[in-house]
């Protein structure tokens, strides 16, 4: 589901981050972590776009089942308190 380009970016950033961790180069760690996060966000966005194009619902659904059906009738509203 993840494109080859996105996968390569994530793997490359991950390898660079591991090298920075091994060498304890904190400045490189910070920059590579940001690069890795951006690559993961891009890969995740691509997965969701592909899922939407295929007609699949994104996780969380469209919210239509929250207001209808018997599932809403089974909800119990309660308060919780922890005693020591």
N, C-alpha and C. Protein backbone atom coordinates (compact mmCIF):
# COMPACT_ATOMS: atom_id res chain seq x y z
N UNK A 1 0.81 -1.19 0.00
CA UNK A 1 0.00 0.00 0.00
C UNK A 1 0.86 1.26 0.00
N UNK A 2 2.04 1.20 0.59
CA UNK A 2 2.92 2.36 0.63
C UNK A 2 3.77 2.34 -0.64
N UNK A 3 3.89 3.51 -1.28
CA UNK A 3 4.66 3.61 -2.49
C UNK A 3 6.14 3.36 -2.26
N UNK A 4 6.84 2.95 -3.30
CA UNK A 4 8.26 2.64 -3.19
C UNK A 4 9.07 3.87 -2.79
N UNK A 5 8.69 5.03 -3.30
CA UNK A 5 9.42 6.25 -2.99
C UNK A 5 9.26 6.61 -1.51
N UNK A 6 8.03 6.53 -0.99
CA UNK A 6 7.79 6.82 0.43
C UNK A 6 8.51 5.82 1.32
N UNK A 7 8.47 4.56 0.93
CA UNK A 7 9.13 3.52 1.71
C UNK A 7 10.63 3.75 1.75
N UNK A 8 11.22 4.13 0.62
CA UNK A 8 12.66 4.39 0.56
C UNK A 8 13.04 5.57 1.46
N UNK A 9 12.21 6.61 1.46
CA UNK A 9 12.49 7.78 2.31
C UNK A 9 12.45 7.39 3.79
N UNK A 10 11.47 6.60 4.18
CA UNK A 10 11.34 6.19 5.58
C UNK A 10 12.53 5.31 5.97
N UNK A 11 12.88 4.36 5.13
CA UNK A 11 14.00 3.48 5.45
C UNK A 11 15.31 4.24 5.52
N UNK A 12 15.51 5.18 4.61
CA UNK A 12 16.74 5.98 4.60
C UNK A 12 16.84 6.84 5.85
N UNK A 13 15.75 7.50 6.19
CA UNK A 13 15.74 8.35 7.38
C UNK A 13 15.94 7.52 8.65
N UNK A 14 15.34 6.35 8.67
CA UNK A 14 15.48 5.47 9.83
C UNK A 14 16.93 5.02 9.99
N UNK A 15 17.58 4.66 8.89
CA UNK A 15 18.98 4.23 8.95
C UNK A 15 19.88 5.37 9.41
N UNK A 16 19.64 6.58 8.90
CA UNK A 16 20.45 7.74 9.31
C UNK A 16 20.24 8.05 10.78
N UNK A 17 19.00 7.91 11.25
CA UNK A 17 18.71 8.16 12.66
C UNK A 17 19.43 7.13 13.54
N UNK A 18 19.43 5.87 13.13
CA UNK A 18 20.12 4.83 13.89
C UNK A 18 21.62 5.13 13.98
N UNK A 19 22.20 5.58 12.88
CA UNK A 19 23.62 5.92 12.87
C UNK A 19 23.90 7.09 13.83
N UNK A 20 23.01 8.08 13.82
CA UNK A 20 23.19 9.23 14.70
C UNK A 20 23.07 8.81 16.17
N UNK A 21 22.18 7.87 16.46
CA UNK A 21 22.02 7.38 17.83
C UNK A 21 23.28 6.64 18.27
N UNK A 22 23.82 5.80 17.38
CA UNK A 22 25.03 5.06 17.71
C UNK A 22 26.21 5.98 17.96
N UNK A 23 26.30 7.07 17.20
CA UNK A 23 27.42 7.99 17.36
C UNK A 23 27.13 9.08 18.40
N UNK A 24 25.92 9.05 18.98
CA UNK A 24 25.49 10.01 20.00
C UNK A 24 25.61 11.46 19.51
N UNK A 25 25.24 11.68 18.26
CA UNK A 25 25.25 13.01 17.66
C UNK A 25 23.84 13.59 17.80
N UNK A 26 23.65 14.38 18.85
CA UNK A 26 22.31 14.84 19.21
C UNK A 26 21.70 15.79 18.18
N UNK A 27 22.51 16.64 17.57
CA UNK A 27 21.99 17.56 16.55
C UNK A 27 21.48 16.79 15.34
N UNK A 28 22.25 15.78 14.92
CA UNK A 28 21.82 14.96 13.79
C UNK A 28 20.60 14.13 14.16
N UNK A 29 20.56 13.65 15.41
CA UNK A 29 19.39 12.89 15.87
C UNK A 29 18.12 13.72 15.73
N UNK A 30 18.20 14.95 16.17
CA UNK A 30 17.02 15.83 16.13
C UNK A 30 16.58 16.08 14.69
N UNK A 31 17.52 16.40 13.82
CA UNK A 31 17.15 16.70 12.43
C UNK A 31 16.65 15.45 11.70
N UNK A 32 17.28 14.31 11.96
CA UNK A 32 16.85 13.07 11.30
C UNK A 32 15.50 12.59 11.84
N UNK A 33 15.24 12.84 13.11
CA UNK A 33 13.94 12.49 13.68
C UNK A 33 12.84 13.30 13.00
N UNK A 34 13.09 14.58 12.80
CA UNK A 34 12.11 15.43 12.10
C UNK A 34 11.91 14.96 10.66
N UNK A 35 13.01 14.60 10.00
CA UNK A 35 12.92 14.10 8.63
C UNK A 35 12.13 12.80 8.57
N UNK A 36 12.38 11.92 9.54
CA UNK A 36 11.67 10.65 9.59
C UNK A 36 10.18 10.87 9.85
N UNK A 37 9.85 11.79 10.75
CA UNK A 37 8.44 12.09 11.02
C UNK A 37 7.74 12.61 9.77
N UNK A 38 8.39 13.49 9.04
CA UNK A 38 7.79 14.02 7.82
C UNK A 38 7.59 12.92 6.78
N UNK A 39 8.56 12.01 6.68
CA UNK A 39 8.43 10.90 5.74
C UNK A 39 7.29 9.97 6.14
N UNK A 40 7.14 9.74 7.44
CA UNK A 40 6.05 8.88 7.91
C UNK A 40 4.69 9.55 7.70
N UNK A 41 4.62 10.86 7.91
CA UNK A 41 3.36 11.57 7.66
C UNK A 41 2.99 11.48 6.19
N UNK A 42 3.98 11.65 5.32
CA UNK A 42 3.71 11.58 3.88
C UNK A 42 3.25 10.18 3.48
N UNK A 43 3.89 9.16 4.04
CA UNK A 43 3.50 7.78 3.74
C UNK A 43 2.09 7.50 4.26
N UNK A 44 1.80 7.97 5.45
CA UNK A 44 0.46 7.77 6.02
C UNK A 44 -0.61 8.47 5.21
N UNK A 45 -0.31 9.68 4.77
CA UNK A 45 -1.27 10.42 3.94
C UNK A 45 -1.52 9.70 2.63
N UNK A 46 -0.47 9.13 2.06
CA UNK A 46 -0.63 8.40 0.80
C UNK A 46 -1.49 7.15 1.00
N UNK A 47 -1.33 6.48 2.12
CA UNK A 47 -2.13 5.29 2.41
C UNK A 47 -3.60 5.67 2.52
N UNK A 48 -3.90 6.76 3.24
CA UNK A 48 -5.29 7.17 3.40
C UNK A 48 -5.88 7.65 2.07
N UNK A 49 -5.09 8.31 1.25
CA UNK A 49 -5.59 8.75 -0.05
C UNK A 49 -5.89 7.55 -0.93
N UNK A 50 -5.03 6.55 -0.89
CA UNK A 50 -5.27 5.34 -1.67
C UNK A 50 -6.50 4.60 -1.17
N UNK A 51 -6.69 4.56 0.14
CA UNK A 51 -7.85 3.89 0.71
C UNK A 51 -9.13 4.62 0.30
N UNK A 52 -9.09 5.95 0.27
CA UNK A 52 -10.24 6.73 -0.14
C UNK A 52 -10.55 6.55 -1.61
N UNK A 53 -9.51 6.41 -2.42
CA UNK A 53 -9.71 6.22 -3.85
C UNK A 53 -10.30 4.84 -4.15
N UNK A 54 -9.99 3.87 -3.30
CA UNK A 54 -10.52 2.52 -3.49
C UNK A 54 -11.92 2.37 -2.93
N UNK A 55 -12.44 3.40 -2.29
CA UNK A 55 -13.78 3.36 -1.75
C UNK A 55 -13.85 2.84 -0.33
N UNK A 56 -12.70 2.57 0.28
CA UNK A 56 -12.69 2.07 1.65
C UNK A 56 -12.84 3.24 2.61
N UNK A 57 -13.48 2.99 3.72
CA UNK A 57 -13.67 4.03 4.72
C UNK A 57 -12.41 4.18 5.55
N UNK A 58 -12.11 5.38 5.92
CA UNK A 58 -10.96 5.64 6.78
C UNK A 58 -11.28 5.18 8.19
N UNK A 59 -10.26 4.84 8.99
CA UNK A 59 -10.54 4.44 10.37
C UNK A 59 -11.33 5.52 11.10
N UNK A 60 -12.29 5.08 11.87
CA UNK A 60 -13.15 6.03 12.57
C UNK A 60 -14.49 6.16 11.87
N UNK A 61 -14.56 5.75 10.63
CA UNK A 61 -15.82 5.78 9.89
C UNK A 61 -16.31 7.18 9.62
N UNK A 62 -17.54 7.26 9.13
CA UNK A 62 -18.11 8.57 8.82
C UNK A 62 -19.04 9.08 9.91
N UNK A 63 -19.15 8.33 10.98
CA UNK A 63 -19.95 8.79 12.11
C UNK A 63 -21.43 8.54 11.97
N UNK A 64 -21.87 7.87 10.93
CA UNK A 64 -23.30 7.67 10.73
C UNK A 64 -23.88 6.66 11.72
N UNK A 65 -23.08 5.74 12.23
CA UNK A 65 -23.62 4.74 13.14
C UNK A 65 -23.72 5.26 14.57
N UNK A 66 -23.13 6.39 14.87
CA UNK A 66 -23.14 6.89 16.24
C UNK A 66 -24.53 7.35 16.66
N UNK A 67 -25.33 7.85 15.76
CA UNK A 67 -26.63 8.39 16.13
C UNK A 67 -27.78 7.45 15.89
N UNK A 68 -27.53 6.27 15.35
CA UNK A 68 -28.63 5.37 15.05
C UNK A 68 -28.29 3.96 15.49
N UNK A 69 -29.30 3.12 15.51
CA UNK A 69 -29.10 1.72 15.85
C UNK A 69 -29.22 1.46 17.33
N UNK A 70 -29.13 0.19 17.71
CA UNK A 70 -29.29 -0.18 19.10
C UNK A 70 -28.00 0.00 19.90
N UNK A 71 -26.87 0.22 19.23
CA UNK A 71 -25.61 0.39 19.94
C UNK A 71 -25.65 1.61 20.85
N UNK A 72 -26.33 2.65 20.45
CA UNK A 72 -26.42 3.86 21.26
C UNK A 72 -27.29 3.60 22.50
N UNK A 73 -28.22 2.65 22.42
CA UNK A 73 -29.08 2.33 23.55
C UNK A 73 -28.33 1.60 24.65
N UNK A 74 -27.20 0.97 24.33
CA UNK A 74 -26.44 0.19 25.29
C UNK A 74 -25.44 1.03 26.07
N UNK A 75 -25.37 2.31 25.82
CA UNK A 75 -24.39 3.17 26.47
C UNK A 75 -24.85 3.48 27.89
N UNK A 76 -23.95 3.34 28.84
CA UNK A 76 -24.24 3.65 30.23
C UNK A 76 -23.34 4.80 30.64
N UNK A 77 -23.94 5.88 31.07
CA UNK A 77 -23.18 7.05 31.51
C UNK A 77 -22.91 6.88 33.00
N UNK A 78 -21.64 6.93 33.38
CA UNK A 78 -21.28 6.73 34.78
C UNK A 78 -20.08 7.60 35.11
N UNK A 79 -19.92 7.83 36.40
CA UNK A 79 -18.75 8.56 36.88
C UNK A 79 -17.84 7.59 37.60
N UNK A 80 -16.57 7.91 37.55
CA UNK A 80 -15.57 7.04 38.15
C UNK A 80 -14.76 7.83 39.16
N UNK A 81 -14.58 7.28 40.32
CA UNK A 81 -13.70 7.93 41.30
C UNK A 81 -12.82 6.85 41.92
N UNK A 82 -11.58 7.22 42.13
CA UNK A 82 -10.62 6.27 42.70
C UNK A 82 -10.44 6.58 44.18
N UNK A 83 -10.61 5.59 45.01
CA UNK A 83 -10.43 5.79 46.45
C UNK A 83 -9.16 5.10 46.88
N UNK A 84 -8.48 5.69 47.85
CA UNK A 84 -7.20 5.13 48.30
C UNK A 84 -7.37 4.35 49.58
